Amino acid sequence: MSTCVFIQIRCKPGSTYKVAEEIALREIHSELYSTSGEFDLLLKLYIPETEDVGHFINENLLVIPNIERSLTTMTFKAF
């Protein structure tokens, strides 16, 4: 079973398309959306249960150039 997380990403001005393209090339996401508001992208990601969530995000996503900030929301099975 994997862990589902949602990650909001703020990109440096003018770099959103480059960041989104790099995420898509890595093929680690389930869904990727452009958003309005405080963040530029919304990413749905399933992290394998054998991986540490923080390490996986840092090593596979946050190393992409032009990401200024991210906000990760963890999900838990409610029922």
C-alpha atoms as a PDB file:
ATOM      1  CA  MET A   1       0.000   0.000   0.000  1.00  0.00           C
ATOM      2  CA  SER A   2       1.275   3.464  -0.824  1.00  0.00           C
ATOM      3  CA  THR A   3       0.864   6.830   0.863  1.00  0.00           C
ATOM      4  CA  CYS A   4      -1.104   9.463  -1.039  1.00  0.00           C
ATOM      5  CA  VAL A   5       0.151  13.033  -0.646  1.00  0.00           C
ATOM      6  CA  PHE A   6      -0.845  16.297  -2.252  1.00  0.00           C
ATOM      7  CA  ILE A   7       1.951  18.789  -2.860  1.00  0.00           C
ATOM      8  CA  GLN A   8       1.381  22.427  -3.693  1.00  0.00           C
ATOM      9  CA  ILE A   9       4.340  24.047  -5.444  1.00  0.00           C
ATOM     10  CA  ARG A  10       5.268  27.693  -5.828  1.00  0.00           C
ATOM     11  CA  CYS A  11       7.641  28.327  -8.735  1.00  0.00           C
ATOM     12  CA  LYS A  12       9.938  31.231  -9.452  1.00  0.00           C
ATOM     13  CA  PRO A  13       8.166  33.730 -11.731  1.00  0.00           C
ATOM     14  CA  GLY A  14       8.080  32.605 -15.349  1.00  0.00           C
ATOM     15  CA  SER A  15       9.210  29.039 -14.645  1.00  0.00           C
ATOM     16  CA  THR A  16       5.959  27.173 -13.954  1.00  0.00           C
ATOM     17  CA  TYR A  17       5.853  25.420 -17.334  1.00  0.00           C
ATOM     18  CA  LYS A  18       9.503  24.339 -17.011  1.00  0.00           C
ATOM     19  CA  VAL A  19       8.892  22.931 -13.540  1.00  0.00           C
ATOM     20  CA  ALA A  20       5.722  21.130 -14.655  1.00  0.00           C
ATOM     21  CA  GLU A  21       7.569  19.633 -17.636  1.00  0.00           C
ATOM     22  CA  GLU A  22      10.378  18.364 -15.415  1.00  0.00           C
ATOM     23  CA  ILE A  23       7.866  16.771 -13.029  1.00  0.00           C
ATOM     24  CA  ALA A  24       6.105  15.092 -15.957  1.00  0.00           C
ATOM     25  CA  LEU A  25       9.408  13.745 -17.322  1.00  0.00           C
ATOM     26  CA  ARG A  26      10.204  12.122 -13.967  1.00  0.00           C
ATOM     27  CA  GLU A  27       6.927  10.137 -14.122  1.00  0.00           C
ATOM     28  CA  ILE A  28       6.505  10.111 -10.348  1.00  0.00           C
ATOM     29  CA  HIS A  29       3.105  11.801 -10.158  1.00  0.00           C
ATOM     30  CA  SER A  30      -0.434  10.529 -10.379  1.00  0.00           C
ATOM     31  CA  GLU A  31      -1.985  13.890 -11.290  1.00  0.00           C
ATOM     32  CA  LEU A  32      -0.545  17.342 -11.946  1.00  0.00           C
ATOM     33  CA  TYR A  33      -2.535  20.576 -12.203  1.00  0.00           C
ATOM     34  CA  SER A  34      -1.816  24.240 -12.753  1.00  0.00           C
ATOM     35  CA  THR A  35      -3.567  26.303 -10.088  1.00  0.00           C
ATOM     36  CA  SER A  36      -4.357  29.909  -9.295  1.00  0.00           C
ATOM     37  CA  GLY A  37      -3.617  31.562  -5.987  1.00  0.00           C
ATOM     38  CA  GLU A  38      -0.645  31.315  -3.677  1.00  0.00           C
ATOM     39  CA  PHE A  39       0.760  28.188  -5.377  1.00  0.00           C
ATOM     40  CA  ASP A  40       1.307  27.460  -9.077  1.00  0.00           C
ATOM     41  CA  LEU A  41       1.037  23.665  -9.269  1.00  0.00           C
ATOM     42  CA  LEU A  42      -0.854  20.931  -7.431  1.00  0.00           C
ATOM     43  CA  LEU A  43       0.623  17.452  -7.549  1.00  0.00           C
ATOM     44  CA  LYS A  44      -0.959  14.192  -6.406  1.00  0.00           C
ATOM     45  CA  LEU A  45       1.688  11.630  -5.610  1.00  0.00           C
ATOM     46  CA  TYR A  46       1.633   8.066  -4.317  1.00  0.00           C
ATOM     47  CA  ILE A  47       4.732   7.227  -2.320  1.00  0.00           C
ATOM     48  CA  PRO A  48       5.646   3.530  -2.055  1.00  0.00           C
ATOM     49  CA  GLU A  49       5.305   2.181   1.488  1.00  0.00           C
ATOM     50  CA  THR A  50       8.974   1.172   1.426  1.00  0.00           C
ATOM     51  CA  GLU A  51      10.000   4.831   1.025  1.00  0.00           C
ATOM     52  CA  ASP A  52      10.277   7.579   3.625  1.00  0.00           C
ATOM     53  CA  VAL A  53       7.865  10.342   2.593  1.00  0.00           C
ATOM     54  CA  GLY A  54      10.212  13.244   3.345  1.00  0.00           C
ATOM     55  CA  HIS A  55      13.233  11.688   1.672  1.00  0.00           C
ATOM     56  CA  PHE A  56      11.224  10.677  -1.393  1.00  0.00           C
ATOM     57  CA  ILE A  57       9.853  14.197  -1.885  1.00  0.00           C
ATOM     58  CA  ASN A  58      13.207  15.868  -1.249  1.00  0.00           C
ATOM     59  CA  GLU A  59      15.191  13.531  -3.499  1.00  0.00           C
ATOM     60  CA  ASN A  60      12.711  13.218  -6.385  1.00  0.00           C
ATOM     61  CA  LEU A  61      10.795  16.486  -6.485  1.00  0.00           C
ATOM     62  CA  LEU A  62      12.338  19.351  -4.566  1.00  0.00           C
ATOM     63  CA  VAL A  63      15.665  19.049  -6.389  1.00  0.00           C
ATOM     64  CA  ILE A  64      13.959  20.422  -9.513  1.00  0.00           C
ATOM     65  CA  PRO A  65      15.273  23.924 -10.273  1.00  0.00           C
ATOM     66  CA  ASN A  66      12.993  26.949  -9.847  1.00  0.00           C
ATOM     67  CA  ILE A  67      10.821  25.531  -7.060  1.00  0.00           C
ATOM     68  CA  GLU A  68      10.597  28.267  -4.435  1.00  0.00           C
ATOM     69  CA  ARG A  69       8.332  26.624  -1.890  1.00  0.00           C
ATOM     70  CA  SER A  70       6.157  23.586  -1.363  1.00  0.00           C
ATOM     71  CA  LEU A  71       3.373  22.542   0.967  1.00  0.00           C
ATOM     72  CA  THR A  72       2.763  18.834   1.470  1.00  0.00           C
ATOM     73  CA  THR A  73      -0.553  17.499   2.721  1.00  0.00           C
ATOM     74  CA  MET A  74      -0.482  13.911   3.931  1.00  0.00           C
ATOM     75  CA  THR A  75      -3.610  11.768   3.645  1.00  0.00           C
ATOM     76  CA  PHE A  76      -4.867   9.076   5.991  1.00  0.00           C
ATOM     77  CA  LYS A  77      -7.580   6.472   5.584  1.00  0.00           C
ATOM     78  CA  ALA A  78     -10.530   7.850   7.550  1.00  0.00           C
ATOM     79  CA  PHE A  79     -12.884   4.877   7.379  1.00  0.00           C
END
